[in-house]
Every structure is written in C-alpha cells, then in structure tokens.
Amino acid sequence: MRKISLVFVAAMLLSIGNTFANDGENENPSKSLAVQISELLSDNSLTSTHVDMTAFVRFTLNEEREIVILTVNAGNEVMEIFVKEKLNYQKVNVQDYKVGRTYTMPVRIAG
C-alpha cells in the first residue's frame, strides 16, 4: 500500500512539473508573422475587380526585422503593386527569425 502511494505522489509531481515547464510561449513565428502581414494589408482601397484575388509573396527579413519583398506573383499588376507598397520595408515583431531566410506566403484580399 505504501508503494502505491509513493508511485501516486511521484506521478503527481511529474505531471505538475510538466505543466509548469510548458510556458505557452512556443508560438510559431511564421504564424505571428502571418497575422502581422494580414493587419498590414487590411486597410485597402482596391476595387471590386481586385477583391478575392490571391498573390504569392516571396520575402525575407533583414537585420532590422523589416519585410523585404523579393517577388509577388499575382497575375495582376495592380495587386502586385498594392502588396509591394503595403509590405515592403515594414517592421514586424518577430522573436525567432533568421536574417535572409526566404518565406513564401499566399495573400488573399477579401472583400
């Protein structure tokens, strides 16, 4: 009986230790980056013909944590110019990133 209670106490201590060890700060940096990009693109004045279009944006982050647009593939020049103007050299708040790492993200303007 005593061994069972010792095992039970040890199991509780392990589970409590694991709970406090997980601080919840392990957020995916590209997800928070996607949210920030969404906020940067949210204020748009595109016409209804450009709404619901998708562009594939390839970019990198520099030392100052600014987005540097490499390419925008949208099939529409207005959409490409809009994305470049809104995102190029905008600062983002990203903790863990590698300078020069290339990101590719689909961007869809919804109406």
Protein backbone atom coordinates (compact mmCIF):
# COMPACT_ATOMS: atom_id res chain seq x y z
CA MET A 1 0.00 0.00 0.00
CA ARG A 2 2.84 2.33 0.83
CA LYS A 3 4.50 1.73 -2.56
CA ILE A 4 1.30 2.62 -4.38
CA SER A 5 1.00 5.94 -2.57
CA LEU A 6 4.67 6.74 -3.34
CA VAL A 7 4.12 5.99 -7.02
CA PHE A 8 0.99 8.13 -7.00
CA VAL A 9 2.80 11.09 -5.39
CA ALA A 10 5.70 10.75 -7.84
CA ALA A 11 3.30 10.73 -10.79
CA MET A 12 1.55 13.85 -9.49
CA LEU A 13 4.85 15.68 -9.04
CA LEU A 14 5.91 14.77 -12.58
CA SER A 15 2.64 15.96 -14.09
CA ILE A 16 2.71 19.23 -12.13
CA GLY A 17 6.33 19.82 -13.14
CA ASN A 18 5.49 19.28 -16.79
CA THR A 19 2.55 21.65 -16.55
CA PHE A 20 4.68 24.48 -15.19
CA ALA A 21 7.50 23.74 -17.64
CA ASN A 22 5.22 24.46 -20.62
CA ASP A 23 5.06 28.24 -20.56
CA GLY A 24 2.97 28.55 -23.74
CA GLU A 25 5.46 30.95 -25.34
CA ASN A 26 6.43 28.49 -28.08
CA GLU A 27 4.41 30.36 -30.67
CA ASN A 28 5.19 29.65 -34.29
CA PRO A 29 6.97 32.77 -35.60
CA SER A 30 5.59 32.41 -39.10
CA LYS A 31 2.05 32.34 -37.71
CA SER A 32 2.51 35.59 -35.84
CA LEU A 33 4.18 36.94 -38.95
CA ALA A 34 1.10 35.97 -40.99
CA VAL A 35 -1.16 37.79 -38.54
CA GLN A 36 1.00 40.92 -38.73
CA ILE A 37 1.02 40.81 -42.54
CA SER A 38 -2.75 40.44 -42.51
CA GLU A 39 -3.02 43.57 -40.37
CA LEU A 40 -0.71 45.50 -42.71
CA LEU A 41 -2.86 44.56 -45.72
CA SER A 42 -6.23 45.05 -44.02
CA ASP A 43 -6.57 48.73 -44.98
CA ASN A 44 -7.03 48.56 -48.73
CA SER A 45 -8.75 50.64 -51.34
CA LEU A 46 -8.88 48.07 -54.10
CA THR A 47 -11.89 47.97 -56.37
CA SER A 48 -14.28 45.05 -56.51
CA THR A 49 -12.46 43.63 -59.55
CA HIS A 50 -9.34 43.09 -57.45
CA VAL A 51 -11.11 41.55 -54.46
CA ASP A 52 -10.85 37.78 -53.93
CA MET A 53 -7.56 37.62 -55.82
CA THR A 54 -4.62 35.65 -54.49
CA ALA A 55 -0.97 36.61 -54.71
CA PHE A 56 2.01 34.51 -53.73
CA VAL A 57 4.54 36.70 -51.96
CA ARG A 58 8.16 35.67 -51.51
CA PHE A 59 10.04 37.76 -48.97
CA THR A 60 12.82 37.79 -46.43
CA LEU A 61 13.50 39.66 -43.17
CA ASN A 62 16.53 41.91 -42.78
CA GLU A 63 18.53 42.77 -39.63
CA GLU A 64 16.04 45.48 -38.62
CA ARG A 65 13.15 42.98 -38.80
CA GLU A 66 11.77 44.61 -41.91
CA ILE A 67 9.99 42.70 -44.66
CA VAL A 68 11.93 42.80 -47.92
CA ILE A 69 9.74 41.72 -50.86
CA LEU A 70 11.55 39.50 -53.36
CA THR A 71 8.71 38.61 -55.73
CA VAL A 72 4.94 38.91 -55.96
CA ASN A 73 3.10 36.55 -58.30
CA ALA A 74 -0.47 37.74 -58.61
CA GLY A 75 -1.27 37.68 -62.31
CA ASN A 76 -2.48 41.25 -61.90
CA GLU A 77 -0.22 44.29 -61.87
CA VAL A 78 -2.49 46.31 -59.57
CA MET A 79 -2.45 43.57 -56.95
CA GLU A 80 1.35 43.21 -57.21
CA ILE A 81 1.90 46.95 -56.75
CA PHE A 82 -0.53 47.05 -53.82
CA VAL A 83 1.20 44.21 -51.98
CA LYS A 84 4.67 45.67 -52.61
CA GLU A 85 3.66 49.14 -51.42
CA LYS A 86 1.96 47.87 -48.27
CA LEU A 87 4.58 45.33 -47.17
CA ASN A 88 8.00 46.35 -48.44
CA TYR A 89 10.26 47.56 -45.59
CA GLN A 90 7.53 47.35 -42.96
CA LYS A 91 8.78 46.41 -39.49
CA VAL A 92 7.35 43.29 -37.88
CA ASN A 93 7.68 41.98 -34.35
CA VAL A 94 9.20 38.51 -34.68
CA GLN A 95 11.31 36.96 -31.93
CA ASP A 96 13.00 33.95 -33.52
CA TYR A 97 13.97 34.56 -37.11
CA LYS A 98 16.97 34.10 -39.34
CA VAL A 99 18.18 37.01 -41.41
CA GLY A 100 17.96 36.07 -45.07
CA ARG A 101 15.55 33.16 -44.65
CA THR A 102 13.07 33.16 -47.52
CA TYR A 103 9.36 32.95 -46.73
CA THR A 104 6.59 32.27 -49.24
CA MET A 105 3.07 33.19 -48.27
CA PRO A 106 -0.22 33.27 -50.17
CA VAL A 107 -2.05 36.55 -49.71
CA ARG A 108 -5.75 36.86 -50.50
CA ILE A 109 -7.59 40.16 -50.49
CA ALA A 110 -11.14 39.54 -49.35
CA GLY A 111 -13.97 41.96 -49.86
